[in-house]
């Protein structure tokens, strides 16, 4: 099993958030475009939230503390 590096994991989530934000829209239209945009917004929010987390280990559990108010 690979060694868990939580700081690097959190950093990867930041890169994923940026990748989603920078990703161009595919040539889709109508309902498919709406679904794509909605999923991209959800993915970006999820990745950004985790990328802003601080972490600790408590009783053998990894605890991520995620701020619910993100910078603009």
PDB file of N, CA and C in Angstrom:
ATOM      1  N   UNK A   1       0.847  -1.180   0.000  1.00  0.00           N
ATOM      2  CA  UNK A   1       0.000   0.000   0.000  1.00  0.00           C
ATOM      3  C   UNK A   1       0.888   1.237   0.000  1.00  0.00           C
ATOM      4  N   UNK A   2       0.499   2.225  -0.786  1.00  0.00           N
ATOM      5  CA  UNK A   2       1.267   3.465  -0.878  1.00  0.00           C
ATOM      6  C   UNK A   2       1.124   4.266   0.405  1.00  0.00           C
ATOM      7  N   UNK A   3       2.130   5.048   0.692  1.00  0.00           N
ATOM      8  CA  UNK A   3       2.117   5.931   1.853  1.00  0.00           C
ATOM      9  C   UNK A   3       1.186   7.105   1.583  1.00  0.00           C
ATOM     10  N   UNK A   4       0.326   7.426   2.527  1.00  0.00           N
ATOM     11  CA  UNK A   4      -0.599   8.543   2.374  1.00  0.00           C
ATOM     12  C   UNK A   4       0.098   9.844   2.758  1.00  0.00           C
ATOM     13  N   UNK A   5       0.121  10.780   1.829  1.00  0.00           N
ATOM     14  CA  UNK A   5       0.639  12.116   2.078  1.00  0.00           C
ATOM     15  C   UNK A   5      -0.548  13.062   1.941  1.00  0.00           C
ATOM     16  N   UNK A   6      -1.142  13.423   3.052  1.00  0.00           N
ATOM     17  CA  UNK A   6      -2.379  14.208   3.037  1.00  0.00           C
ATOM     18  C   UNK A   6      -2.162  15.579   2.416  1.00  0.00           C
ATOM     19  N   UNK A   7      -1.031  16.199   2.694  1.00  0.00           N
ATOM     20  CA  UNK A   7      -0.774  17.516   2.094  1.00  0.00           C
ATOM     21  C   UNK A   7      -0.765  17.425   0.566  1.00  0.00           C
ATOM     22  N   UNK A   8      -0.135  16.397   0.040  1.00  0.00           N
ATOM     23  CA  UNK A   8      -0.108  16.224  -1.417  1.00  0.00           C
ATOM     24  C   UNK A   8      -1.500  15.891  -1.954  1.00  0.00           C
ATOM     25  N   UNK A   9      -2.281  15.125  -1.209  1.00  0.00           N
ATOM     26  CA  UNK A   9      -3.642  14.814  -1.613  1.00  0.00           C
ATOM     27  C   UNK A   9      -4.469  16.094  -1.715  1.00  0.00           C
ATOM     28  N   UNK A  10      -4.363  16.930  -0.709  1.00  0.00           N
ATOM     29  CA  UNK A  10      -5.112  18.191  -0.700  1.00  0.00           C
ATOM     30  C   UNK A  10      -4.645  19.078  -1.851  1.00  0.00           C
ATOM     31  N   UNK A  11      -3.352  19.083  -2.115  1.00  0.00           N
ATOM     32  CA  UNK A  11      -2.810  19.848  -3.239  1.00  0.00           C
ATOM     33  C   UNK A  11      -3.385  19.351  -4.567  1.00  0.00           C
ATOM     34  N   UNK A  12      -3.507  18.030  -4.713  1.00  0.00           N
ATOM     35  CA  UNK A  12      -4.085  17.470  -5.944  1.00  0.00           C
ATOM     36  C   UNK A  12      -5.527  17.939  -6.135  1.00  0.00           C
ATOM     37  N   UNK A  13      -6.278  18.039  -5.059  1.00  0.00           N
ATOM     38  CA  UNK A  13      -7.645  18.516  -5.173  1.00  0.00           C
ATOM     39  C   UNK A  13      -7.674  19.962  -5.659  1.00  0.00           C
ATOM     40  N   UNK A  14      -6.710  20.769  -5.248  1.00  0.00           N
ATOM     41  CA  UNK A  14      -6.611  22.135  -5.745  1.00  0.00           C
ATOM     42  C   UNK A  14      -6.344  22.175  -7.241  1.00  0.00           C
ATOM     43  N   UNK A  15      -5.453  21.300  -7.696  1.00  0.00           N
ATOM     44  CA  UNK A  15      -5.166  21.230  -9.132  1.00  0.00           C
ATOM     45  C   UNK A  15      -6.389  20.739  -9.905  1.00  0.00           C
ATOM     46  N   UNK A  16      -7.120  19.798  -9.326  1.00  0.00           N
ATOM     47  CA  UNK A  16      -8.333  19.308  -9.989  1.00  0.00           C
ATOM     48  C   UNK A  16      -9.375  20.418 -10.090  1.00  0.00           C
ATOM     49  N   UNK A  17      -9.518  21.214  -9.042  1.00  0.00           N
ATOM     50  CA  UNK A  17     -10.470  22.324  -9.080  1.00  0.00           C
ATOM     51  C   UNK A  17     -10.096  23.286 -10.202  1.00  0.00           C
ATOM     52  N   UNK A  18      -8.826  23.610 -10.309  1.00  0.00           N
ATOM     53  CA  UNK A  18      -8.380  24.526 -11.358  1.00  0.00           C
ATOM     54  C   UNK A  18      -8.585  23.917 -12.735  1.00  0.00           C
ATOM     55  N   UNK A  19      -8.331  22.621 -12.873  1.00  0.00           N
ATOM     56  CA  UNK A  19      -8.526  21.954 -14.164  1.00  0.00           C
ATOM     57  C   UNK A  19      -9.988  22.001 -14.587  1.00  0.00           C
ATOM     58  N   UNK A  20     -10.885  21.806 -13.649  1.00  0.00           N
ATOM     59  CA  UNK A  20     -12.318  21.877 -13.972  1.00  0.00           C
ATOM     60  C   UNK A  20     -12.680  23.299 -14.385  1.00  0.00           C
ATOM     61  N   UNK A  21     -12.158  24.260 -13.677  1.00  0.00           N
ATOM     62  CA  UNK A  21     -12.456  25.670 -13.980  1.00  0.00           C
ATOM     63  C   UNK A  21     -11.934  26.054 -15.362  1.00  0.00           C
ATOM     64  N   UNK A  22     -10.772  25.536 -15.734  1.00  0.00           N
ATOM     65  CA  UNK A  22     -10.138  25.888 -17.006  1.00  0.00           C
ATOM     66  C   UNK A  22     -10.608  25.042 -18.188  1.00  0.00           C
ATOM     67  N   UNK A  23     -11.333  23.964 -17.906  1.00  0.00           N
ATOM     68  CA  UNK A  23     -11.736  23.023 -18.959  1.00  0.00           C
ATOM     69  C   UNK A  23     -12.715  23.696 -19.923  1.00  0.00           C
ATOM     70  N   UNK A  24     -12.441  23.598 -21.215  1.00  0.00           N
ATOM     71  CA  UNK A  24     -13.369  24.185 -22.190  1.00  0.00           C
ATOM     72  C   UNK A  24     -14.636  23.334 -22.310  1.00  0.00           C
ATOM     73  N   UNK A  25     -15.689  23.988 -22.742  1.00  0.00           N
ATOM     74  CA  UNK A  25     -16.938  23.264 -22.957  1.00  0.00           C
ATOM     75  C   UNK A  25     -16.823  22.422 -24.228  1.00  0.00           C
ATOM     76  N   UNK A  26     -17.276  21.180 -24.166  1.00  0.00           N
ATOM     77  CA  UNK A  26     -17.277  20.370 -25.387  1.00  0.00           C
ATOM     78  C   UNK A  26     -18.381  20.856 -26.330  1.00  0.00           C
ATOM     79  N   UNK A  27     -18.320  20.430 -27.566  1.00  0.00           N
ATOM     80  CA  UNK A  27     -19.333  20.885 -28.524  1.00  0.00           C
ATOM     81  C   UNK A  27     -20.676  20.172 -28.316  1.00  0.00           C
ATOM     82  N   UNK A  28     -21.317  20.517 -27.228  1.00  0.00           N
ATOM     83  CA  UNK A  28     -22.645  19.971 -26.954  1.00  0.00           C
ATOM     84  C   UNK A  28     -23.613  21.129 -26.814  1.00  0.00           C
ATOM     85  N   UNK A  29     -24.879  20.829 -26.995  1.00  0.00           N
ATOM     86  CA  UNK A  29     -25.880  21.891 -26.924  1.00  0.00           C
ATOM     87  C   UNK A  29     -27.087  21.403 -26.140  1.00  0.00           C
ATOM     88  N   UNK A  30     -27.944  22.352 -25.823  1.00  0.00           N
ATOM     89  CA  UNK A  30     -29.207  22.022 -25.183  1.00  0.00           C
ATOM     90  C   UNK A  30     -29.058  21.410 -23.809  1.00  0.00           C
ATOM     91  N   UNK A  31     -29.824  20.368 -23.571  1.00  0.00           N
ATOM     92  CA  UNK A  31     -29.870  19.708 -22.267  1.00  0.00           C
ATOM     93  C   UNK A  31     -28.521  19.099 -21.889  1.00  0.00           C
ATOM     94  N   UNK A  32     -27.799  18.538 -22.843  1.00  0.00           N
ATOM     95  CA  UNK A  32     -26.488  17.947 -22.552  1.00  0.00           C
ATOM     96  C   UNK A  32     -25.497  19.015 -22.094  1.00  0.00           C
ATOM     97  N   UNK A  33     -25.554  20.169 -22.695  1.00  0.00           N
ATOM     98  CA  UNK A  33     -24.667  21.275 -22.287  1.00  0.00           C
ATOM     99  C   UNK A  33     -24.995  21.696 -20.860  1.00  0.00           C
ATOM    100  N   UNK A  34     -26.284  21.814 -20.560  1.00  0.00           N
ATOM    101  CA  UNK A  34     -26.707  22.193 -19.214  1.00  0.00           C
ATOM    102  C   UNK A  34     -26.206  21.178 -18.193  1.00  0.00           C
ATOM    103  N   UNK A  35     -26.334  19.889 -18.492  1.00  0.00           N
ATOM    104  CA  UNK A  35     -25.853  18.840 -17.584  1.00  0.00           C
ATOM    105  C   UNK A  35     -24.342  18.932 -17.392  1.00  0.00           C
ATOM    106  N   UNK A  36     -23.619  19.178 -18.477  1.00  0.00           N
ATOM    107  CA  UNK A  36     -22.167  19.286 -18.396  1.00  0.00           C
ATOM    108  C   UNK A  36     -21.764  20.444 -17.498  1.00  0.00           C
ATOM    109  N   UNK A  37     -22.397  21.598 -17.697  1.00  0.00           N
ATOM    110  CA  UNK A  37     -22.073  22.791 -16.904  1.00  0.00           C
ATOM    111  C   UNK A  37     -22.409  22.564 -15.438  1.00  0.00           C
ATOM    112  N   UNK A  38     -23.560  21.982 -15.153  1.00  0.00           N
ATOM    113  CA  UNK A  38     -23.945  21.710 -13.764  1.00  0.00           C
ATOM    114  C   UNK A  38     -22.966  20.754 -13.100  1.00  0.00           C
ATOM    115  N   UNK A  39     -22.538  19.714 -13.818  1.00  0.00           N
ATOM    116  CA  UNK A  39     -21.584  18.769 -13.242  1.00  0.00           C
ATOM    117  C   UNK A  39     -20.232  19.435 -13.005  1.00  0.00           C
ATOM    118  N   UNK A  40     -19.813  20.283 -13.934  1.00  0.00           N
ATOM    119  CA  UNK A  40     -18.542  21.001 -13.764  1.00  0.00           C
ATOM    120  C   UNK A  40     -18.597  21.907 -12.540  1.00  0.00           C
ATOM    121  N   UNK A  41     -19.712  22.581 -12.330  1.00  0.00           N
ATOM    122  CA  UNK A  41     -19.853  23.447 -11.159  1.00  0.00           C
ATOM    123  C   UNK A  41     -19.790  22.634  -9.868  1.00  0.00           C
ATOM    124  N   UNK A  42     -20.447  21.491  -9.849  1.00  0.00           N
ATOM    125  CA  UNK A  42     -20.412  20.616  -8.670  1.00  0.00           C
ATOM    126  C   UNK A  42     -19.001  20.089  -8.424  1.00  0.00           C
ATOM    127  N   UNK A  43     -18.345  19.614  -9.487  1.00  0.00           N
ATOM    128  CA  UNK A  43     -16.978  19.105  -9.351  1.00  0.00           C
ATOM    129  C   UNK A  43     -16.047  20.186  -8.820  1.00  0.00           C
ATOM    130  N   UNK A  44     -16.152  21.390  -9.377  1.00  0.00           N
ATOM    131  CA  UNK A  44     -15.289  22.486  -8.951  1.00  0.00           C
ATOM    132  C   UNK A  44     -15.487  22.781  -7.464  1.00  0.00           C
ATOM    133  N   UNK A  45     -16.742  22.872  -7.037  1.00  0.00           N
ATOM    134  CA  UNK A  45     -17.029  23.148  -5.623  1.00  0.00           C
ATOM    135  C   UNK A  45     -16.471  22.051  -4.726  1.00  0.00           C
ATOM    136  N   UNK A  46     -16.701  20.797  -5.088  1.00  0.00           N
ATOM    137  CA  UNK A  46     -16.202  19.678  -4.283  1.00  0.00           C
ATOM    138  C   UNK A  46     -14.681  19.721  -4.161  1.00  0.00           C
ATOM    139  N   UNK A  47     -14.009  19.856  -5.295  1.00  0.00           N
ATOM    140  CA  UNK A  47     -12.548  19.872  -5.287  1.00  0.00           C
ATOM    141  C   UNK A  47     -12.004  21.075  -4.523  1.00  0.00           C
ATOM    142  N   UNK A  48     -12.629  22.238  -4.728  1.00  0.00           N
ATOM    143  CA  UNK A  48     -12.153  23.441  -4.045  1.00  0.00           C
ATOM    144  C   UNK A  48     -12.324  23.320  -2.536  1.00  0.00           C
ATOM    145  N   UNK A  49     -13.455  22.784  -2.091  1.00  0.00           N
ATOM    146  CA  UNK A  49     -13.667  22.610  -0.649  1.00  0.00           C
ATOM    147  C   UNK A  49     -12.571  21.749  -0.031  1.00  0.00           C
ATOM    148  N   UNK A  50     -12.288  20.620  -0.643  1.00  0.00           N
ATOM    149  CA  UNK A  50     -11.258  19.733  -0.093  1.00  0.00           C
ATOM    150  C   UNK A  50      -9.889  20.391  -0.168  1.00  0.00           C
ATOM    151  N   UNK A  51      -9.646  21.169  -1.228  1.00  0.00           N
ATOM    152  CA  UNK A  51      -8.323  21.808  -1.370  1.00  0.00           C
ATOM    153  C   UNK A  51      -8.064  22.862  -0.304  1.00  0.00           C
ATOM    154  N   UNK A  52      -9.100  23.350   0.352  1.00  0.00           N
ATOM    155  CA  UNK A  52      -8.938  24.357   1.406  1.00  0.00           C
ATOM    156  C   UNK A  52      -8.937  23.739   2.807  1.00  0.00           C
ATOM    157  N   UNK A  53      -8.999  22.424   2.872  1.00  0.00           N
ATOM    158  CA  UNK A  53      -9.080  21.733   4.163  1.00  0.00           C
ATOM    159  C   UNK A  53      -7.761  21.784   4.931  1.00  0.00           C
ATOM    160  N   UNK A  54      -7.899  21.747   6.232  1.00  0.00           N
ATOM    161  CA  UNK A  54      -6.767  21.440   7.105  1.00  0.00           C
ATOM    162  C   UNK A  54      -7.041  20.046   7.637  1.00  0.00           C
ATOM    163  N   UNK A  55      -5.999  19.396   8.133  1.00  0.00           N
ATOM    164  CA  UNK A  55      -6.213  18.020   8.551  1.00  0.00           C
ATOM    165  C   UNK A  55      -5.498  17.710   9.854  1.00  0.00           C
ATOM    166  N   UNK A  56      -5.984  16.652  10.471  1.00  0.00           N
ATOM    167  CA  UNK A  56      -5.360  16.126  11.685  1.00  0.00           C
ATOM    168  C   UNK A  56      -5.703  14.640  11.760  1.00  0.00           C
ATOM    169  N   UNK A  57      -5.020  13.960  12.642  1.00  0.00           N
ATOM    170  CA  UNK A  57      -5.333  12.555  12.917  1.00  0.00           C
ATOM    171  C   UNK A  57      -5.826  12.493  14.346  1.00  0.00           C
ATOM    172  N   UNK A  58      -7.044  11.988  14.507  1.00  0.00           N
ATOM    173  CA  UNK A  58      -7.651  11.883  15.827  1.00  0.00           C
ATOM    174  C   UNK A  58      -8.150  10.457  16.027  1.00  0.00           C
ATOM    175  N   UNK A  59      -7.668   9.812  17.053  1.00  0.00           N
ATOM    176  CA  UNK A  59      -8.052   8.432  17.355  1.00  0.00           C
ATOM    177  C   UNK A  59      -7.895   7.516  16.145  1.00  0.00           C
ATOM    178  N   UNK A  60      -6.830   7.711  15.402  1.00  0.00           N
ATOM    179  CA  UNK A  60      -6.560   6.865  14.246  1.00  0.00           C
ATOM    180  C   UNK A  60      -7.373   7.201  13.009  1.00  0.00           C
ATOM    181  N   UNK A  61      -8.098   8.316  13.045  1.00  0.00           N
ATOM    182  CA  UNK A  61      -8.908   8.735  11.900  1.00  0.00           C
ATOM    183  C   UNK A  61      -8.355  10.024  11.297  1.00  0.00           C
ATOM    184  N   UNK A  62      -8.339  10.061   9.986  1.00  0.00           N
ATOM    185  CA  UNK A  62      -7.978  11.293   9.292  1.00  0.00           C
ATOM    186  C   UNK A  62      -9.185  12.218   9.359  1.00  0.00           C
ATOM    187  N   UNK A  63      -8.982  13.421   9.885  1.00  0.00           N
ATOM    188  CA  UNK A  63     -10.065  14.396  10.021  1.00  0.00           C
ATOM    189  C   UNK A  63      -9.725  15.598   9.152  1.00  0.00           C
ATOM    190  N   UNK A  64     -10.591  15.863   8.184  1.00  0.00           N
ATOM    191  CA  UNK A  64     -10.446  17.055   7.356  1.00  0.00           C
ATOM    192  C   UNK A  64     -11.390  18.114   7.889  1.00  0.00           C
ATOM    193  N   UNK A  65     -10.848  19.280   8.153  1.00  0.00           N
ATOM    194  CA  UNK A  65     -11.669  20.415   8.568  1.00  0.00           C
ATOM    195  C   UNK A  65     -11.801  21.309   7.358  1.00  0.00           C
ATOM    196  N   UNK A  66     -13.029  21.426   6.872  1.00  0.00           N
ATOM    197  CA  UNK A  66     -13.278  22.125   5.630  1.00  0.00           C
ATOM    198  C   UNK A  66     -14.062  23.407   5.904  1.00  0.00           C
ATOM    199  N   UNK A  67     -13.491  24.553   5.522  1.00  0.00           N
ATOM    200  CA  UNK A  67     -14.227  25.801   5.714  1.00  0.00           C
ATOM    201  C   UNK A  67     -15.403  25.855   4.729  1.00  0.00           C
ATOM    202  N   UNK A  68     -16.558  26.227   5.220  1.00  0.00           N
ATOM    203  CA  UNK A  68     -17.733  26.277   4.359  1.00  0.00           C
ATOM    204  C   UNK A  68     -17.866  27.597   3.608  1.00  0.00           C
ATOM    205  N   UNK A  69     -17.142  28.612   4.062  1.00  0.00           N
ATOM    206  CA  UNK A  69     -17.128  29.879   3.333  1.00  0.00           C
ATOM    207  C   UNK A  69     -15.808  29.950   2.573  1.00  0.00           C
ATOM    208  N   UNK A  70     -15.909  29.927   1.250  1.00  0.00           N
ATOM    209  CA  UNK A  70     -14.724  29.954   0.424  1.00  0.00           C
ATOM    210  C   UNK A  70     -14.480  31.364  -0.096  1.00  0.00           C
ATOM    211  N   UNK A  71     -13.224  31.666  -0.392  1.00  0.00           N
ATOM    212  CA  UNK A  71     -12.937  32.974  -0.984  1.00  0.00           C
ATOM    213  C   UNK A  71     -13.577  33.059  -2.366  1.00  0.00           C
ATOM    214  N   UNK A  72     -13.890  34.260  -2.798  1.00  0.00           N
ATOM    215  CA  UNK A  72     -14.508  34.452  -4.117  1.00  0.00           C
ATOM    216  C   UNK A  72     -13.567  34.072  -5.233  1.00  0.00           C
TER     217      UNK A  72
END
